[in-house]
Amino acid sequence: MSLGNVTESGILSWIFRANDVFTNEKYDTIYIGLSSGSVDDDGGNITNVELTGTNYGRVSKTNSTATWILATGTQPTTKYNKVPITFSTPGNDWGTATNFFISTTGVGSGNLIAHGSLFPAKPIYNGDSIEFPVSGLRISVN
C-alpha cells in the first residue's frame, strides 16, 4: 500500500501539530535533544542515552510554521527547520552525539515525536558550536 501525497503531508503535519489536517491540537513547544545511542520508539531510554554535561540542555522551539516548513514533496514527504536549532556552548566535553530526538518535554522521556541517526557522529568538546542549520534537521515519511 502507498499513501497519497495529502496523507503523507497530513501525517507530518499531525506529528508536528502545525497546520494539522486531522485535528486542531498541537504541542506549542517541542524540544530537540542529542544522544550517544539510539532512542527507543517509546522514548523510554532517552534518559539513558541523552548527552549530559555543563550547559547541555534540549533546545526548545515554537512548534509553528515560523519554525518548520509545511510538509512538502513526495517520496519522501519532508518537513524541516526554517530557523537554526542552536545548542548552548558546552562547558565541558559532552561525548559523541550519534543521534537526535524530538520530544514534548525539556527533560525526561516525555512523548517522543521523532528520532534518528546523525551522520557522521559528532564528538562534542568544551567550547564547540553545536547547531542544526536551516534545513539541517529533516523528518521524512515515504
C-alpha atoms as a PDB file:
ATOM      1  CA  MET A   1       0.000   0.000   0.000  1.00  0.00           C
ATOM      2  CA  SER A   2       1.164   3.515  -0.744  1.00  0.00           C
ATOM      3  CA  LEU A   3      -0.072   6.679   0.883  1.00  0.00           C
ATOM      4  CA  GLY A   4      -1.175   9.662  -1.177  1.00  0.00           C
ATOM      5  CA  ASN A   5       0.621  12.989  -1.019  1.00  0.00           C
ATOM      6  CA  VAL A   6      -2.128  14.645   1.060  1.00  0.00           C
ATOM      7  CA  THR A   7      -1.974  11.814   3.603  1.00  0.00           C
ATOM      8  CA  GLU A   8       1.834  11.934   3.791  1.00  0.00           C
ATOM      9  CA  SER A   9       1.739  15.692   4.355  1.00  0.00           C
ATOM     10  CA  GLY A  10      -1.075  15.229   6.852  1.00  0.00           C
ATOM     11  CA  ILE A  11       0.944  12.703   8.846  1.00  0.00           C
ATOM     12  CA  LEU A  12       3.911  15.073   9.177  1.00  0.00           C
ATOM     13  CA  SER A  13       1.595  17.965   9.991  1.00  0.00           C
ATOM     14  CA  TRP A  14      -0.117  15.846  12.650  1.00  0.00           C
ATOM     15  CA  ILE A  15       3.211  14.781  14.144  1.00  0.00           C
ATOM     16  CA  PHE A  16       4.358  18.379  14.474  1.00  0.00           C
ATOM     17  CA  ARG A  17       0.828  19.638  15.194  1.00  0.00           C
ATOM     18  CA  ALA A  18       1.128  22.568  12.815  1.00  0.00           C
ATOM     19  CA  ASN A  19      -1.450  23.186  10.096  1.00  0.00           C
ATOM     20  CA  ASP A  20      -2.879  19.843  11.131  1.00  0.00           C
ATOM     21  CA  VAL A  21      -5.433  18.431   8.698  1.00  0.00           C
ATOM     22  CA  PHE A  22      -6.655  15.876  11.272  1.00  0.00           C
ATOM     23  CA  THR A  23      -7.113  17.898  14.473  1.00  0.00           C
ATOM     24  CA  ASN A  24      -6.572  21.357  15.870  1.00  0.00           C
ATOM     25  CA  GLU A  25      -4.475  20.070  18.782  1.00  0.00           C
ATOM     26  CA  LYS A  26      -0.745  20.701  18.858  1.00  0.00           C
ATOM     27  CA  TYR A  27       2.254  20.975  21.126  1.00  0.00           C
ATOM     28  CA  ASP A  28       3.082  24.671  21.373  1.00  0.00           C
ATOM     29  CA  THR A  29       6.742  23.918  22.124  1.00  0.00           C
ATOM     30  CA  ILE A  30       8.880  20.947  21.164  1.00  0.00           C
ATOM     31  CA  TYR A  31      12.370  20.045  22.365  1.00  0.00           C
ATOM     32  CA  ILE A  32      15.332  18.797  20.336  1.00  0.00           C
ATOM     33  CA  GLY A  33      17.948  16.705  22.119  1.00  0.00           C
ATOM     34  CA  LEU A  34      21.149  14.825  21.349  1.00  0.00           C
ATOM     35  CA  SER A  35      22.089  11.317  22.408  1.00  0.00           C
ATOM     36  CA  SER A  36      25.009   8.924  22.343  1.00  0.00           C
ATOM     37  CA  GLY A  37      22.872   5.991  21.226  1.00  0.00           C
ATOM     38  CA  SER A  38      19.599   5.033  19.622  1.00  0.00           C
ATOM     39  CA  VAL A  39      16.400   6.163  21.279  1.00  0.00           C
ATOM     40  CA  ASP A  40      13.667   3.546  21.630  1.00  0.00           C
ATOM     41  CA  ASP A  41      10.457   4.261  19.726  1.00  0.00           C
ATOM     42  CA  ASP A  42       8.586   4.676  23.022  1.00  0.00           C
ATOM     43  CA  GLY A  43      11.248   7.125  24.295  1.00  0.00           C
ATOM     44  CA  GLY A  44      11.741   5.050  27.413  1.00  0.00           C
ATOM     45  CA  ASN A  45      15.534   5.045  27.253  1.00  0.00           C
ATOM     46  CA  ILE A  46      16.095   8.738  26.499  1.00  0.00           C
ATOM     47  CA  THR A  47      17.492   9.395  29.963  1.00  0.00           C
ATOM     48  CA  ASN A  48      19.992   6.535  29.493  1.00  0.00           C
ATOM     49  CA  VAL A  49      21.468   7.792  26.201  1.00  0.00           C
ATOM     50  CA  GLU A  50      20.908  11.565  26.238  1.00  0.00           C
ATOM     51  CA  LEU A  51      24.106  13.598  26.336  1.00  0.00           C
ATOM     52  CA  THR A  52      24.996  15.341  29.566  1.00  0.00           C
ATOM     53  CA  GLY A  53      27.469  17.987  30.587  1.00  0.00           C
ATOM     54  CA  THR A  54      27.882  21.585  31.590  1.00  0.00           C
ATOM     55  CA  ASN A  55      25.376  23.775  29.692  1.00  0.00           C
ATOM     56  CA  TYR A  56      23.749  20.807  27.903  1.00  0.00           C
ATOM     57  CA  GLY A  57      20.016  21.105  27.536  1.00  0.00           C
ATOM     58  CA  ARG A  58      17.429  20.344  24.928  1.00  0.00           C
ATOM     59  CA  VAL A  59      16.676  23.210  22.595  1.00  0.00           C
ATOM     60  CA  SER A  60      13.084  24.423  22.797  1.00  0.00           C
ATOM     61  CA  LYS A  61      11.412  25.621  19.629  1.00  0.00           C
ATOM     62  CA  THR A  62       7.981  27.045  18.990  1.00  0.00           C
ATOM     63  CA  ASN A  63       6.035  24.453  17.065  1.00  0.00           C
ATOM     64  CA  SER A  64       4.717  26.609  14.236  1.00  0.00           C
ATOM     65  CA  THR A  65       5.215  27.458  10.605  1.00  0.00           C
ATOM     66  CA  ALA A  66       7.663  30.136  11.775  1.00  0.00           C
ATOM     67  CA  THR A  67       9.996  27.290  12.841  1.00  0.00           C
ATOM     68  CA  TRP A  68       9.101  24.409  10.481  1.00  0.00           C
ATOM     69  CA  ILE A  69       8.268  24.417   6.782  1.00  0.00           C
ATOM     70  CA  LEU A  70       4.988  22.933   5.693  1.00  0.00           C
ATOM     71  CA  ALA A  71       5.389  19.291   4.720  1.00  0.00           C
ATOM     72  CA  THR A  72       6.355  19.192   1.033  1.00  0.00           C
ATOM     73  CA  GLY A  73       7.341  16.793  -1.690  1.00  0.00           C
ATOM     74  CA  THR A  74       6.605  13.178  -2.378  1.00  0.00           C
ATOM     75  CA  GLN A  75       8.657  10.036  -1.967  1.00  0.00           C
ATOM     76  CA  PRO A  76       9.556  11.201   0.627  1.00  0.00           C
ATOM     77  CA  THR A  77       7.336  13.895   2.031  1.00  0.00           C
ATOM     78  CA  THR A  78       9.643  16.079   4.138  1.00  0.00           C
ATOM     79  CA  LYS A  79       9.432  18.645   6.894  1.00  0.00           C
ATOM     80  CA  TYR A  80      12.477  20.598   8.070  1.00  0.00           C
ATOM     81  CA  ASN A  81      13.532  23.518  10.240  1.00  0.00           C
ATOM     82  CA  LYS A  82      13.233  27.068   8.847  1.00  0.00           C
ATOM     83  CA  VAL A  83      15.437  28.520  11.590  1.00  0.00           C
ATOM     84  CA  PRO A  84      18.720  27.334  13.102  1.00  0.00           C
ATOM     85  CA  ILE A  85      18.496  24.995  16.094  1.00  0.00           C
ATOM     86  CA  THR A  86      21.411  26.081  18.265  1.00  0.00           C
ATOM     87  CA  PHE A  87      22.539  24.351  21.454  1.00  0.00           C
ATOM     88  CA  SER A  88      24.293  26.153  24.317  1.00  0.00           C
ATOM     89  CA  THR A  89      28.088  26.227  24.178  1.00  0.00           C
ATOM     90  CA  PRO A  90      29.452  23.165  26.025  1.00  0.00           C
ATOM     91  CA  GLY A  91      31.246  23.972  29.283  1.00  0.00           C
ATOM     92  CA  ASN A  92      32.980  20.592  29.129  1.00  0.00           C
ATOM     93  CA  ASP A  93      33.088  17.589  26.783  1.00  0.00           C
ATOM     94  CA  TRP A  94      29.583  16.169  26.245  1.00  0.00           C
ATOM     95  CA  GLY A  95      30.644  12.961  24.478  1.00  0.00           C
ATOM     96  CA  THR A  96      29.789  11.881  20.958  1.00  0.00           C
ATOM     97  CA  ALA A  97      26.372  12.677  19.505  1.00  0.00           C
ATOM     98  CA  THR A  98      25.239   9.795  17.313  1.00  0.00           C
ATOM     99  CA  ASN A  99      21.500  10.508  17.359  1.00  0.00           C
ATOM    100  CA  PHE A 100      18.900  13.249  17.784  1.00  0.00           C
ATOM    101  CA  PHE A 101      15.378  13.164  19.141  1.00  0.00           C
ATOM    102  CA  ILE A 102      12.381  15.468  19.346  1.00  0.00           C
ATOM    103  CA  SER A 103      10.289  15.330  22.491  1.00  0.00           C
ATOM    104  CA  THR A 104       7.341  17.114  24.070  1.00  0.00           C
ATOM    105  CA  THR A 105       9.308  17.848  27.258  1.00  0.00           C
ATOM    106  CA  GLY A 106      12.539  19.632  28.116  1.00  0.00           C
ATOM    107  CA  VAL A 107      13.692  16.874  30.497  1.00  0.00           C
ATOM    108  CA  GLY A 108      12.922  13.188  30.990  1.00  0.00           C
ATOM    109  CA  SER A 109      11.196  10.949  28.498  1.00  0.00           C
ATOM    110  CA  GLY A 110       8.029  12.899  27.662  1.00  0.00           C
ATOM    111  CA  ASN A 111       6.297  11.916  24.449  1.00  0.00           C
ATOM    112  CA  LEU A 112       8.774  11.068  21.719  1.00  0.00           C
ATOM    113  CA  ILE A 113       7.825  12.722  18.435  1.00  0.00           C
ATOM    114  CA  ALA A 114      10.723  11.640  16.215  1.00  0.00           C
ATOM    115  CA  HIS A 115      14.289  10.359  16.383  1.00  0.00           C
ATOM    116  CA  GLY A 116      17.091   9.435  14.056  1.00  0.00           C
ATOM    117  CA  SER A 117      20.801   8.947  13.485  1.00  0.00           C
ATOM    118  CA  LEU A 118      23.345  11.657  12.850  1.00  0.00           C
ATOM    119  CA  PHE A 119      25.898  11.042  10.138  1.00  0.00           C
ATOM    120  CA  PRO A 120      28.673  11.426  10.728  1.00  0.00           C
ATOM    121  CA  ALA A 121      28.652  11.120  14.519  1.00  0.00           C
ATOM    122  CA  LYS A 122      29.822  14.345  16.155  1.00  0.00           C
ATOM    123  CA  PRO A 123      32.227  14.414  19.117  1.00  0.00           C
ATOM    124  CA  ILE A 124      31.280  17.454  21.189  1.00  0.00           C
ATOM    125  CA  TYR A 125      34.065  19.180  23.070  1.00  0.00           C
ATOM    126  CA  ASN A 126      34.269  22.059  25.507  1.00  0.00           C
ATOM    127  CA  GLY A 127      33.576  25.328  23.654  1.00  0.00           C
ATOM    128  CA  ASP A 128      32.185  23.783  20.429  1.00  0.00           C
ATOM    129  CA  SER A 129      29.324  25.347  18.481  1.00  0.00           C
ATOM    130  CA  ILE A 130      26.507  22.845  18.000  1.00  0.00           C
ATOM    131  CA  GLU A 131      23.778  23.720  15.519  1.00  0.00           C
ATOM    132  CA  PHE A 132      21.370  22.242  13.021  1.00  0.00           C
ATOM    133  CA  PRO A 133      21.482  24.933  10.314  1.00  0.00           C
ATOM    134  CA  VAL A 134      18.364  25.912   8.375  1.00  0.00           C
ATOM    135  CA  SER A 135      17.008  22.735   6.705  1.00  0.00           C
ATOM    136  CA  GLY A 136      19.579  20.679   8.643  1.00  0.00           C
ATOM    137  CA  LEU A 137      17.016  18.667  10.608  1.00  0.00           C
ATOM    138  CA  ARG A 138      14.759  16.811   8.172  1.00  0.00           C
ATOM    139  CA  ILE A 139      11.920  14.480   9.060  1.00  0.00           C
ATOM    140  CA  SER A 140      10.537  12.325   6.225  1.00  0.00           C
ATOM    141  CA  VAL A 141       7.643   9.986   5.542  1.00  0.00           C
ATOM    142  CA  ASN A 142       7.911   7.819   2.455  1.00  0.00           C
END
